[in-house]
Amino acid sequence: MKKAAFLILCFILLLTACSGKDAESSAPVEESQIRYRPTVVYYADSNGLIVPVMREIPWEEGIGKAALNLLTMTDKNVSAAASFGLSPTLPKDATFTLRIAEDGTATVSVFNMGEFESAAQEKNAVISIVNTLTEFSTIERVVILPGGKEVDELSFGTDISKAVSTVSLNPESVTTSAGSGEMQSMALYFPNYESTLNVPVTRQTDGEVTLEKAVEEFVKGPGQIDALRSCFPQDTALLSVTVEGGVAVIDLSSQAEGLREHPLLEQRAMECAALVCHEFGVPSVSFKVEGKDYGDMPVSTPMYVNYK
């Protein structure tokens, strides 16, 4: 009798287990159950500038390789990048293998990389790979192996002979005068001409780079890069910069009032100013015009340079 009862119990447990397994395997994965990771990828604009954009991609094993796949010119990637006014930097047939060492060195083999039409395109492809990967906290530098092989340079001479760390973006050409001091780099941000993107620029300046110096250069505008626009009306001058409770208070001359006539540019001006100040550890900005508060302030630094 006990043996019969035991067999019946086993049969019931077996049915329950099978039922549970079938439910689990047949249930579809709903969109809301998919985990996404915000990932910054680096695209090119029509003027050859490199622009970082936040993309959300499914969180999966090998997510670094998944981020690299976004840089290829597949129809899907081209369409997604075009929504930002940008384009991927690598051929659609490019594929990757990726190894990450404990010291933070990522070795990426790029297959079907092909040859580029210009030195600028070739360099931008390398920058997009390096900077996209170094956005991950586990990666500090990148070794690129075309076709899985070590080479010193690519067809147009881009040096890939050693590991490359994050590359400064969109450097302005430098002209120095005799007797000038040591040149230092600073990161600035300006809108593209359509005021739809914030674009990083690397500018060289004499002497120490300070918050006040960076904001002064930011107010001057993009200078040599015609594809970018100044955030402020012509002749706007910086009167002062002070930091009060984690807020950079930027006081501008009266010409800055003209910014109110361009709401989209006004938004970009606030974001770009916050991005510049964030480089110095200041998380928020507010504007004044001739000492009087301008608009609803302060404005916090965007979590990403560009996001949609």
C-alpha atoms as a PDB file:
ATOM      1  CA  MET A   1       0.000   0.000   0.000  1.00  0.00           C
ATOM      2  CA  LYS A   2       2.823   2.375   0.923  1.00  0.00           C
ATOM      3  CA  LYS A   3       4.585   1.479  -2.319  1.00  0.00           C
ATOM      4  CA  ALA A   4       1.455   2.339  -4.361  1.00  0.00           C
ATOM      5  CA  ALA A   5       1.058   5.651  -2.556  1.00  0.00           C
ATOM      6  CA  PHE A   6       4.727   6.455  -3.196  1.00  0.00           C
ATOM      7  CA  LEU A   7       4.368   5.714  -6.932  1.00  0.00           C
ATOM      8  CA  ILE A   8       1.263   7.939  -7.179  1.00  0.00           C
ATOM      9  CA  LEU A   9       3.095  10.785  -5.428  1.00  0.00           C
ATOM     10  CA  CYS A  10       6.041  10.476  -7.820  1.00  0.00           C
ATOM     11  CA  PHE A  11       3.663  10.532 -10.803  1.00  0.00           C
ATOM     12  CA  ILE A  12       2.018  13.721  -9.528  1.00  0.00           C
ATOM     13  CA  LEU A  13       5.406  15.409  -8.968  1.00  0.00           C
ATOM     14  CA  LEU A  14       6.534  14.390 -12.457  1.00  0.00           C
ATOM     15  CA  LEU A  15       3.416  15.920 -14.018  1.00  0.00           C
ATOM     16  CA  THR A  16       3.916  19.122 -12.046  1.00  0.00           C
ATOM     17  CA  ALA A  17       7.566  19.393 -13.105  1.00  0.00           C
ATOM     18  CA  CYS A  18       6.751  18.812 -16.782  1.00  0.00           C
ATOM     19  CA  SER A  19       3.925  21.335 -16.664  1.00  0.00           C
ATOM     20  CA  GLY A  20       6.235  23.963 -15.165  1.00  0.00           C
ATOM     21  CA  LYS A  21       8.962  23.319 -17.724  1.00  0.00           C
ATOM     22  CA  ASP A  22       6.553  23.641 -20.654  1.00  0.00           C
ATOM     23  CA  ALA A  23       5.160  26.959 -19.341  1.00  0.00           C
ATOM     24  CA  GLU A  24       8.621  28.380 -18.925  1.00  0.00           C
ATOM     25  CA  SER A  25       9.878  27.355 -22.359  1.00  0.00           C
ATOM     26  CA  SER A  26       6.776  28.404 -24.273  1.00  0.00           C
ATOM     27  CA  ALA A  27       6.192  31.780 -22.625  1.00  0.00           C
ATOM     28  CA  PRO A  28       7.377  34.571 -24.955  1.00  0.00           C
ATOM     29  CA  VAL A  29       9.889  37.120 -23.641  1.00  0.00           C
ATOM     30  CA  GLU A  30       8.022  40.395 -23.404  1.00  0.00           C
ATOM     31  CA  GLU A  31       9.697  43.638 -24.457  1.00  0.00           C
ATOM     32  CA  SER A  32       9.338  44.942 -20.893  1.00  0.00           C
ATOM     33  CA  GLN A  33      11.416  42.000 -19.626  1.00  0.00           C
ATOM     34  CA  ILE A  34      14.420  42.772 -21.839  1.00  0.00           C
ATOM     35  CA  ARG A  35      17.141  44.668 -19.981  1.00  0.00           C
ATOM     36  CA  TYR A  36      18.745  47.510 -21.888  1.00  0.00           C
ATOM     37  CA  ARG A  37      22.082  49.165 -21.224  1.00  0.00           C
ATOM     38  CA  PRO A  38      22.752  52.795 -22.111  1.00  0.00           C
ATOM     39  CA  THR A  39      25.849  52.676 -24.312  1.00  0.00           C
ATOM     40  CA  VAL A  40      27.709  55.587 -25.894  1.00  0.00           C
ATOM     41  CA  VAL A  41      28.795  55.012 -29.485  1.00  0.00           C
ATOM     42  CA  TYR A  42      30.795  57.321 -31.713  1.00  0.00           C
ATOM     43  CA  TYR A  43      29.452  58.242 -35.151  1.00  0.00           C
ATOM     44  CA  ALA A  44      30.602  60.668 -37.840  1.00  0.00           C
ATOM     45  CA  ASP A  45      28.689  63.630 -39.222  1.00  0.00           C
ATOM     46  CA  SER A  46      28.708  64.785 -42.832  1.00  0.00           C
ATOM     47  CA  ASN A  47      31.616  67.130 -42.088  1.00  0.00           C
ATOM     48  CA  GLY A  48      33.820  64.376 -40.694  1.00  0.00           C
ATOM     49  CA  LEU A  49      33.364  65.342 -37.039  1.00  0.00           C
ATOM     50  CA  ILE A  50      33.057  62.523 -34.501  1.00  0.00           C
ATOM     51  CA  VAL A  51      30.035  62.786 -32.228  1.00  0.00           C
ATOM     52  CA  PRO A  52      29.145  60.626 -29.185  1.00  0.00           C
ATOM     53  CA  VAL A  53      25.534  59.446 -28.932  1.00  0.00           C
ATOM     54  CA  MET A  54      23.823  57.375 -26.266  1.00  0.00           C
ATOM     55  CA  ARG A  55      22.168  54.235 -27.615  1.00  0.00           C
ATOM     56  CA  GLU A  56      20.240  51.664 -25.598  1.00  0.00           C
ATOM     57  CA  ILE A  57      21.107  48.090 -26.536  1.00  0.00           C
ATOM     58  CA  PRO A  58      19.935  44.791 -25.018  1.00  0.00           C
ATOM     59  CA  TRP A  59      22.121  43.733 -22.110  1.00  0.00           C
ATOM     60  CA  GLU A  60      23.783  40.557 -23.258  1.00  0.00           C
ATOM     61  CA  GLU A  61      26.970  38.617 -22.844  1.00  0.00           C
ATOM     62  CA  GLY A  62      29.609  40.228 -25.028  1.00  0.00           C
ATOM     63  CA  ILE A  63      27.982  43.661 -24.909  1.00  0.00           C
ATOM     64  CA  GLY A  64      31.257  45.318 -25.994  1.00  0.00           C
ATOM     65  CA  LYS A  65      31.082  43.450 -29.273  1.00  0.00           C
ATOM     66  CA  ALA A  66      27.395  44.397 -29.564  1.00  0.00           C
ATOM     67  CA  ALA A  67      28.383  48.066 -29.229  1.00  0.00           C
ATOM     68  CA  LEU A  68      30.970  47.670 -31.989  1.00  0.00           C
ATOM     69  CA  ASN A  69      28.329  46.116 -34.247  1.00  0.00           C
ATOM     70  CA  LEU A  70      26.435  49.431 -34.061  1.00  0.00           C
ATOM     71  CA  LEU A  71      29.340  51.081 -35.905  1.00  0.00           C
ATOM     72  CA  THR A  72      28.851  49.056 -39.095  1.00  0.00           C
ATOM     73  CA  MET A  73      26.891  50.388 -42.067  1.00  0.00           C
ATOM     74  CA  THR A  74      24.046  47.895 -42.031  1.00  0.00           C
ATOM     75  CA  ASP A  75      20.676  49.221 -43.165  1.00  0.00           C
ATOM     76  CA  LYS A  76      19.426  49.200 -39.572  1.00  0.00           C
ATOM     77  CA  ASN A  77      22.465  51.028 -38.207  1.00  0.00           C
ATOM     78  CA  VAL A  78      22.483  53.585 -41.025  1.00  0.00           C
ATOM     79  CA  SER A  79      18.816  54.345 -40.390  1.00  0.00           C
ATOM     80  CA  ALA A  80      19.343  54.697 -36.625  1.00  0.00           C
ATOM     81  CA  ALA A  81      22.371  56.962 -37.016  1.00  0.00           C
ATOM     82  CA  ALA A  82      20.599  59.045 -39.668  1.00  0.00           C
ATOM     83  CA  SER A  83      17.933  59.915 -37.093  1.00  0.00           C
ATOM     84  CA  PHE A  84      20.715  61.854 -35.336  1.00  0.00           C
ATOM     85  CA  GLY A  85      22.063  63.297 -38.585  1.00  0.00           C
ATOM     86  CA  LEU A  86      25.077  60.990 -38.340  1.00  0.00           C
ATOM     87  CA  SER A  87      26.469  57.841 -39.945  1.00  0.00           C
ATOM     88  CA  PRO A  88      28.391  54.711 -38.858  1.00  0.00           C
ATOM     89  CA  THR A  89      32.109  54.599 -39.588  1.00  0.00           C
ATOM     90  CA  LEU A  90      32.776  50.967 -40.580  1.00  0.00           C
ATOM     91  CA  PRO A  91      31.785  48.840 -43.604  1.00  0.00           C
ATOM     92  CA  LYS A  92      28.560  46.859 -43.266  1.00  0.00           C
ATOM     93  CA  ASP A  93      30.392  43.522 -43.579  1.00  0.00           C
ATOM     94  CA  ALA A  94      32.856  44.264 -40.758  1.00  0.00           C
ATOM     95  CA  THR A  95      32.852  41.718 -37.937  1.00  0.00           C
ATOM     96  CA  PHE A  96      34.715  41.592 -34.643  1.00  0.00           C
ATOM     97  CA  THR A  97      36.226  39.407 -31.992  1.00  0.00           C
ATOM     98  CA  LEU A  98      36.996  41.027 -28.649  1.00  0.00           C
ATOM     99  CA  ARG A  99      39.205  40.020 -25.735  1.00  0.00           C
ATOM    100  CA  ILE A 100      39.540  42.114 -22.562  1.00  0.00           C
ATOM    101  CA  ALA A 101      42.563  41.573 -20.316  1.00  0.00           C
ATOM    102  CA  GLU A 102      42.584  42.164 -16.578  1.00  0.00           C
ATOM    103  CA  ASP A 103      44.780  45.259 -17.021  1.00  0.00           C
ATOM    104  CA  GLY A 104      42.032  46.960 -19.024  1.00  0.00           C
ATOM    105  CA  THR A 105      43.500  46.328 -22.477  1.00  0.00           C
ATOM    106  CA  ALA A 106      40.911  45.310 -25.072  1.00  0.00           C
ATOM    107  CA  THR A 107      42.150  43.541 -28.179  1.00  0.00           C
ATOM    108  CA  VAL A 108      39.699  43.785 -31.054  1.00  0.00           C
ATOM    109  CA  SER A 109      40.192  41.912 -34.303  1.00  0.00           C
ATOM    110  CA  VAL A 110      38.329  43.614 -37.148  1.00  0.00           C
ATOM    111  CA  PHE A 111      37.548  41.434 -40.168  1.00  0.00           C
ATOM    112  CA  ASN A 112      36.387  42.809 -43.533  1.00  0.00           C
ATOM    113  CA  MET A 113      37.532  46.261 -42.514  1.00  0.00           C
ATOM    114  CA  GLY A 114      38.487  46.996 -46.099  1.00  0.00           C
ATOM    115  CA  GLU A 115      40.106  50.236 -47.207  1.00  0.00           C
ATOM    116  CA  PHE A 116      38.699  53.702 -46.700  1.00  0.00           C
ATOM    117  CA  GLU A 117      38.293  56.492 -49.223  1.00  0.00           C
ATOM    118  CA  SER A 118      40.348  59.009 -47.281  1.00  0.00           C
ATOM    119  CA  ALA A 119      42.746  59.393 -44.383  1.00  0.00           C
ATOM    120  CA  ALA A 120      40.024  61.209 -42.419  1.00  0.00           C
ATOM    121  CA  GLN A 121      37.580  58.314 -42.788  1.00  0.00           C
ATOM    122  CA  GLU A 122      40.263  55.824 -41.783  1.00  0.00           C
ATOM    123  CA  LYS A 123      41.196  57.823 -38.691  1.00  0.00           C
ATOM    124  CA  ASN A 124      37.555  58.299 -37.716  1.00  0.00           C
ATOM    125  CA  ALA A 125      36.978  54.558 -37.925  1.00  0.00           C
ATOM    126  CA  VAL A 126      39.810  53.968 -35.462  1.00  0.00           C
ATOM    127  CA  ILE A 127      38.574  56.720 -33.137  1.00  0.00           C
ATOM    128  CA  SER A 128      35.033  55.351 -33.155  1.00  0.00           C
ATOM    129  CA  ILE A 129      36.266  51.869 -32.218  1.00  0.00           C
ATOM    130  CA  VAL A 130      38.592  53.093 -29.461  1.00  0.00           C
ATOM    131  CA  ASN A 131      36.242  55.615 -27.869  1.00  0.00           C
ATOM    132  CA  THR A 132      33.195  53.352 -28.052  1.00  0.00           C
ATOM    133  CA  LEU A 133      35.077  50.600 -26.222  1.00  0.00           C
ATOM    134  CA  THR A 134      36.717  52.858 -23.623  1.00  0.00           C
ATOM    135  CA  GLU A 135      33.241  54.030 -22.567  1.00  0.00           C
ATOM    136  CA  PHE A 136      33.096  50.683 -20.729  1.00  0.00           C
ATOM    137  CA  SER A 137      34.569  50.881 -17.222  1.00  0.00           C
ATOM    138  CA  THR A 138      36.561  47.667 -17.726  1.00  0.00           C
ATOM    139  CA  ILE A 139      38.423  49.001 -20.796  1.00  0.00           C
ATOM    140  CA  GLU A 140      41.205  51.591 -20.606  1.00  0.00           C
ATOM    141  CA  ARG A 141      42.990  51.083 -23.924  1.00  0.00           C
ATOM    142  CA  VAL A 142      42.401  49.296 -27.214  1.00  0.00           C
ATOM    143  CA  VAL A 143      44.594  47.269 -29.571  1.00  0.00           C
ATOM    144  CA  ILE A 144      43.190  46.991 -33.114  1.00  0.00           C
ATOM    145  CA  LEU A 145      44.123  44.008 -35.289  1.00  0.00           C
ATOM    146  CA  PRO A 146      42.858  44.261 -38.886  1.00  0.00           C
ATOM    147  CA  GLY A 147      41.990  40.747 -39.998  1.00  0.00           C
ATOM    148  CA  GLY A 148      43.326  39.531 -36.658  1.00  0.00           C
ATOM    149  CA  LYS A 149      46.905  40.514 -37.558  1.00  0.00           C
ATOM    150  CA  GLU A 150      49.304  42.982 -35.971  1.00  0.00           C
ATOM    151  CA  VAL A 151      50.185  45.883 -38.262  1.00  0.00           C
ATOM    152  CA  ASP A 152      51.863  49.211 -37.534  1.00  0.00           C
ATOM    153  CA  GLU A 153      49.555  51.385 -39.614  1.00  0.00           C
ATOM    154  CA  LEU A 154      46.566  51.314 -41.924  1.00  0.00           C
ATOM    155  CA  SER A 155      46.549  52.180 -45.632  1.00  0.00           C
ATOM    156  CA  PHE A 156      46.489  55.975 -45.116  1.00  0.00           C
ATOM    157  CA  GLY A 157      49.064  55.845 -42.330  1.00  0.00           C
ATOM    158  CA  THR A 158      46.864  55.792 -39.203  1.00  0.00           C
ATOM    159  CA  ASP A 159      49.128  54.476 -36.448  1.00  0.00           C
ATOM    160  CA  ILE A 160      47.775  51.365 -34.700  1.00  0.00           C
ATOM    161  CA  SER A 161      51.150  49.933 -33.665  1.00  0.00           C
ATOM    162  CA  LYS A 162      50.289  50.071 -29.958  1.00  0.00           C
ATOM    163  CA  ALA A 163      47.336  50.239 -27.585  1.00  0.00           C
ATOM    164  CA  VAL A 164      45.335  53.467 -27.867  1.00  0.00           C
ATOM    165  CA  SER A 165      43.497  55.171 -25.009  1.00  0.00           C
ATOM    166  CA  THR A 166      40.477  57.473 -25.383  1.00  0.00           C
ATOM    167  CA  VAL A 167      41.123  59.909 -28.243  1.00  0.00           C
ATOM    168  CA  SER A 168      40.452  63.646 -27.879  1.00  0.00           C
ATOM    169  CA  LEU A 169      37.747  64.585 -30.346  1.00  0.00           C
ATOM    170  CA  ASN A 170      37.701  67.047 -33.227  1.00  0.00           C
ATOM    171  CA  PRO A 171      40.931  68.954 -32.532  1.00  0.00           C
ATOM    172  CA  GLU A 172      41.199  72.439 -33.939  1.00  0.00           C
ATOM    173  CA  SER A 173      44.339  73.196 -35.923  1.00  0.00           C
ATOM    174  CA  VAL A 174      46.955  74.963 -33.831  1.00  0.00           C
ATOM    175  CA  THR A 175      48.885  78.086 -34.737  1.00  0.00           C
ATOM    176  CA  THR A 176      51.505  79.250 -32.248  1.00  0.00           C
ATOM    177  CA  SER A 177      53.418  82.491 -32.088  1.00  0.00           C
ATOM    178  CA  ALA A 178      57.073  82.864 -31.220  1.00  0.00           C
ATOM    179  CA  GLY A 179      57.675  82.886 -27.502  1.00  0.00           C
ATOM    180  CA  SER A 180      54.257  81.438 -26.676  1.00  0.00           C
ATOM    181  CA  GLY A 181      53.972  79.282 -23.586  1.00  0.00           C
ATOM    182  CA  GLU A 182      53.330  75.558 -23.448  1.00  0.00           C
ATOM    183  CA  MET A 183      50.068  74.643 -25.152  1.00  0.00           C
ATOM    184  CA  GLN A 184      47.379  72.847 -23.142  1.00  0.00           C
ATOM    185  CA  SER A 185      44.242  71.077 -24.355  1.00  0.00           C
ATOM    186  CA  MET A 186      40.697  71.764 -23.229  1.00  0.00           C
ATOM    187  CA  ALA A 187      37.406  70.111 -24.137  1.00  0.00           C
ATOM    188  CA  LEU A 188      34.678  72.459 -25.349  1.00  0.00           C
ATOM    189  CA  TYR A 189      31.199  71.743 -26.713  1.00  0.00           C
ATOM    190  CA  PHE A 190      29.240  73.546 -29.424  1.00  0.00           C
ATOM    191  CA  PRO A 191      25.976  72.885 -31.287  1.00  0.00           C
ATOM    192  CA  ASN A 192      25.968  71.736 -34.881  1.00  0.00           C
ATOM    193  CA  TYR A 193      24.503  74.234 -37.306  1.00  0.00           C
ATOM    194  CA  GLU A 194      21.008  72.724 -37.022  1.00  0.00           C
ATOM    195  CA  SER A 195      21.206  72.917 -33.196  1.00  0.00           C
ATOM    196  CA  THR A 196      20.292  69.238 -32.966  1.00  0.00           C
ATOM    197  CA  LEU A 197      23.570  67.904 -31.535  1.00  0.00           C
ATOM    198  CA  ASN A 198      26.224  68.863 -29.011  1.00  0.00           C
ATOM    199  CA  VAL A 199      29.643  68.354 -30.604  1.00  0.00           C
ATOM    200  CA  PRO A 200      32.899  68.031 -28.605  1.00  0.00           C
ATOM    201  CA  VAL A 201      35.889  70.069 -29.738  1.00  0.00           C
ATOM    202  CA  THR A 202      39.487  69.976 -28.508  1.00  0.00           C
ATOM    203  CA  ARG A 203      41.082  73.422 -28.354  1.00  0.00           C
ATOM    204  CA  GLN A 204      44.681  74.344 -27.572  1.00  0.00           C
ATOM    205  CA  THR A 205      45.466  77.341 -25.402  1.00  0.00           C
ATOM    206  CA  ASP A 206      48.509  78.957 -23.798  1.00  0.00           C
ATOM    207  CA  GLY A 207      49.136  78.326 -20.134  1.00  0.00           C
ATOM    208  CA  GLU A 208      47.017  76.686 -17.465  1.00  0.00           C
ATOM    209  CA  VAL A 209      43.504  75.552 -18.334  1.00  0.00           C
ATOM    210  CA  THR A 210      41.059  76.858 -15.736  1.00  0.00           C
ATOM    211  CA  LEU A 211      37.281  76.899 -15.507  1.00  0.00           C
ATOM    212  CA  GLU A 212      37.205  80.619 -16.272  1.00  0.00           C
ATOM    213  CA  LYS A 213      39.525  80.163 -19.269  1.00  0.00           C
ATOM    214  CA  ALA A 214      37.397  77.312 -20.651  1.00  0.00           C
ATOM    215  CA  VAL A 215      34.144  79.269 -20.275  1.00  0.00           C
ATOM    216  CA  GLU A 216      35.779  82.289 -21.920  1.00  0.00           C
ATOM    217  CA  GLU A 217      36.784  80.151 -24.915  1.00  0.00           C
ATOM    218  CA  PHE A 218      33.317  78.591 -25.001  1.00  0.00           C
ATOM    219  CA  VAL A 219      31.665  82.028 -25.172  1.00  0.00           C
ATOM    220  CA  LYS A 220      33.995  82.988 -28.053  1.00  0.00           C
ATOM    221  CA  GLY A 221      32.489  80.201 -30.151  1.00  0.00           C
ATOM    222  CA  PRO A 222      33.805  77.359 -32.319  1.00  0.00           C
ATOM    223  CA  GLY A 223      36.258  79.423 -34.315  1.00  0.00           C
ATOM    224  CA  GLN A 224      37.783  77.351 -37.101  1.00  0.00           C
ATOM    225  CA  ILE A 225      35.121  74.660 -37.490  1.00  0.00           C
ATOM    226  CA  ASP A 226      32.506  76.068 -39.837  1.00  0.00           C
ATOM    227  CA  ALA A 227      30.075  73.181 -39.271  1.00  0.00           C
ATOM    228  CA  LEU A 228      29.496  74.346 -35.687  1.00  0.00           C
ATOM    229  CA  ARG A 229      27.847  77.488 -34.408  1.00  0.00           C
ATOM    230  CA  SER A 230      28.375  79.803 -31.494  1.00  0.00           C
ATOM    231  CA  CYS A 231      25.914  79.485 -28.642  1.00  0.00           C
ATOM    232  CA  PHE A 232      25.606  83.243 -28.204  1.00  0.00           C
ATOM    233  CA  PRO A 233      24.879  86.314 -30.364  1.00  0.00           C
ATOM    234  CA  GLN A 234      27.824  88.105 -31.908  1.00  0.00           C
ATOM    235  CA  ASP A 235      29.924  90.263 -29.537  1.00  0.00           C
ATOM    236  CA  THR A 236      28.619  88.518 -26.399  1.00  0.00           C
ATOM    237  CA  ALA A 237      31.347  88.826 -23.770  1.00  0.00           C
ATOM    238  CA  LEU A 238      32.022  86.908 -20.584  1.00  0.00           C
ATOM    239  CA  LEU A 239      31.905  89.198 -17.557  1.00  0.00           C
ATOM    240  CA  SER A 240      32.683  86.674 -14.824  1.00  0.00           C
ATOM    241  CA  VAL A 241      32.478  83.064 -13.695  1.00  0.00           C
ATOM    242  CA  THR A 242      31.967  82.131 -10.056  1.00  0.00           C
ATOM    243  CA  VAL A 243      31.168  78.799  -8.401  1.00  0.00           C
ATOM    244  CA  GLU A 244      28.477  78.899  -5.744  1.00  0.00           C
ATOM    245  CA  GLY A 245      27.354  75.682  -4.076  1.00  0.00           C
ATOM    246  CA  GLY A 246      28.307  73.465  -7.004  1.00  0.00           C
ATOM    247  CA  VAL A 247      26.838  75.850  -9.596  1.00  0.00           C
ATOM    248  CA  ALA A 248      28.969  77.733 -12.107  1.00  0.00           C
ATOM    249  CA  VAL A 249      27.376  81.169 -12.403  1.00  0.00           C
ATOM    250  CA  ILE A 250      28.230  82.574 -15.843  1.00  0.00           C
ATOM    251  CA  ASP A 251      27.618  86.312 -16.161  1.00  0.00           C
ATOM    252  CA  LEU A 252      27.366  87.538 -19.758  1.00  0.00           C
ATOM    253  CA  SER A 253      27.110  90.908 -21.458  1.00  0.00           C
ATOM    254  CA  SER A 254      23.763  92.306 -22.636  1.00  0.00           C
ATOM    255  CA  GLN A 255      24.084  90.793 -26.124  1.00  0.00           C
ATOM    256  CA  ALA A 256      23.263  87.382 -24.619  1.00  0.00           C
ATOM    257  CA  GLU A 257      19.622  88.467 -24.273  1.00  0.00           C
ATOM    258  CA  GLY A 258      19.273  87.773 -28.009  1.00  0.00           C
ATOM    259  CA  LEU A 259      19.508  84.072 -27.232  1.00  0.00           C
ATOM    260  CA  ARG A 260      15.865  84.145 -26.095  1.00  0.00           C
ATOM    261  CA  GLU A 261      14.797  84.460 -29.735  1.00  0.00           C
ATOM    262  CA  HIS A 262      16.168  80.972 -30.525  1.00  0.00           C
ATOM    263  CA  PRO A 263      14.693  78.408 -28.064  1.00  0.00           C
ATOM    264  CA  LEU A 264      16.429  75.357 -29.545  1.00  0.00           C
ATOM    265  CA  LEU A 265      19.819  77.093 -29.598  1.00  0.00           C
ATOM    266  CA  GLU A 266      19.129  78.349 -26.072  1.00  0.00           C
ATOM    267  CA  GLN A 267      18.691  74.751 -24.898  1.00  0.00           C
ATOM    268  CA  ARG A 268      21.949  73.723 -26.583  1.00  0.00           C
ATOM    269  CA  ALA A 269      23.779  76.701 -25.052  1.00  0.00           C
ATOM    270  CA  MET A 270      22.747  75.610 -21.574  1.00  0.00           C
ATOM    271  CA  GLU A 271      23.682  71.982 -22.203  1.00  0.00           C
ATOM    272  CA  CYS A 272      27.042  72.852 -23.783  1.00  0.00           C
ATOM    273  CA  ALA A 273      27.897  75.256 -20.956  1.00  0.00           C
ATOM    274  CA  ALA A 274      27.083  72.547 -18.419  1.00  0.00           C
ATOM    275  CA  LEU A 275      29.236  70.016 -20.305  1.00  0.00           C
ATOM    276  CA  VAL A 276      32.183  72.436 -20.341  1.00  0.00           C
ATOM    277  CA  CYS A 277      31.883  73.126 -16.612  1.00  0.00           C
ATOM    278  CA  HIS A 278      31.491  69.432 -15.832  1.00  0.00           C
ATOM    279  CA  GLU A 279      35.052  68.943 -17.152  1.00  0.00           C
ATOM    280  CA  PHE A 280      36.127  70.873 -14.016  1.00  0.00           C
ATOM    281  CA  GLY A 281      33.935  68.947 -11.603  1.00  0.00           C
ATOM    282  CA  VAL A 282      31.141  71.539 -11.473  1.00  0.00           C
ATOM    283  CA  PRO A 283      27.809  69.739 -11.987  1.00  0.00           C
ATOM    284  CA  SER A 284      25.470  72.641 -12.786  1.00  0.00           C
ATOM    285  CA  VAL A 285      25.414  76.069 -14.449  1.00  0.00           C
ATOM    286  CA  SER A 286      23.311  79.188 -14.382  1.00  0.00           C
ATOM    287  CA  PHE A 287      23.444  82.258 -16.607  1.00  0.00           C
ATOM    288  CA  LYS A 288      23.239  85.896 -15.658  1.00  0.00           C
ATOM    289  CA  VAL A 289      23.060  88.839 -18.038  1.00  0.00           C
ATOM    290  CA  GLU A 290      24.689  91.984 -16.681  1.00  0.00           C
ATOM    291  CA  GLY A 291      24.301  90.550 -13.177  1.00  0.00           C
ATOM    292  CA  LYS A 292      20.607  89.640 -13.495  1.00  0.00           C
ATOM    293  CA  ASP A 293      19.320  86.046 -13.498  1.00  0.00           C
ATOM    294  CA  TYR A 294      18.552  84.590 -16.911  1.00  0.00           C
ATOM    295  CA  GLY A 295      15.640  82.117 -17.080  1.00  0.00           C
ATOM    296  CA  ASP A 296      14.984  79.070 -14.920  1.00  0.00           C
ATOM    297  CA  MET A 297      18.304  78.001 -13.479  1.00  0.00           C
ATOM    298  CA  PRO A 298      20.440  76.147 -12.602  1.00  0.00           C
ATOM    299  CA  VAL A 299      20.812  73.571 -15.362  1.00  0.00           C
ATOM    300  CA  SER A 300      22.460  70.225 -14.526  1.00  0.00           C
ATOM    301  CA  THR A 301      24.983  68.539 -16.782  1.00  0.00           C
ATOM    302  CA  PRO A 302      23.285  66.133 -19.222  1.00  0.00           C
ATOM    303  CA  MET A 303      23.980  62.498 -18.381  1.00  0.00           C
ATOM    304  CA  TYR A 304      25.059  62.013 -22.002  1.00  0.00           C
ATOM    305  CA  VAL A 305      26.451  64.477 -24.536  1.00  0.00           C
ATOM    306  CA  ASN A 306      23.695  63.474 -26.960  1.00  0.00           C
ATOM    307  CA  TYR A 307      20.686  61.275 -26.388  1.00  0.00           C
ATOM    308  CA  LYS A 308      17.377  60.601 -28.116  1.00  0.00           C
END
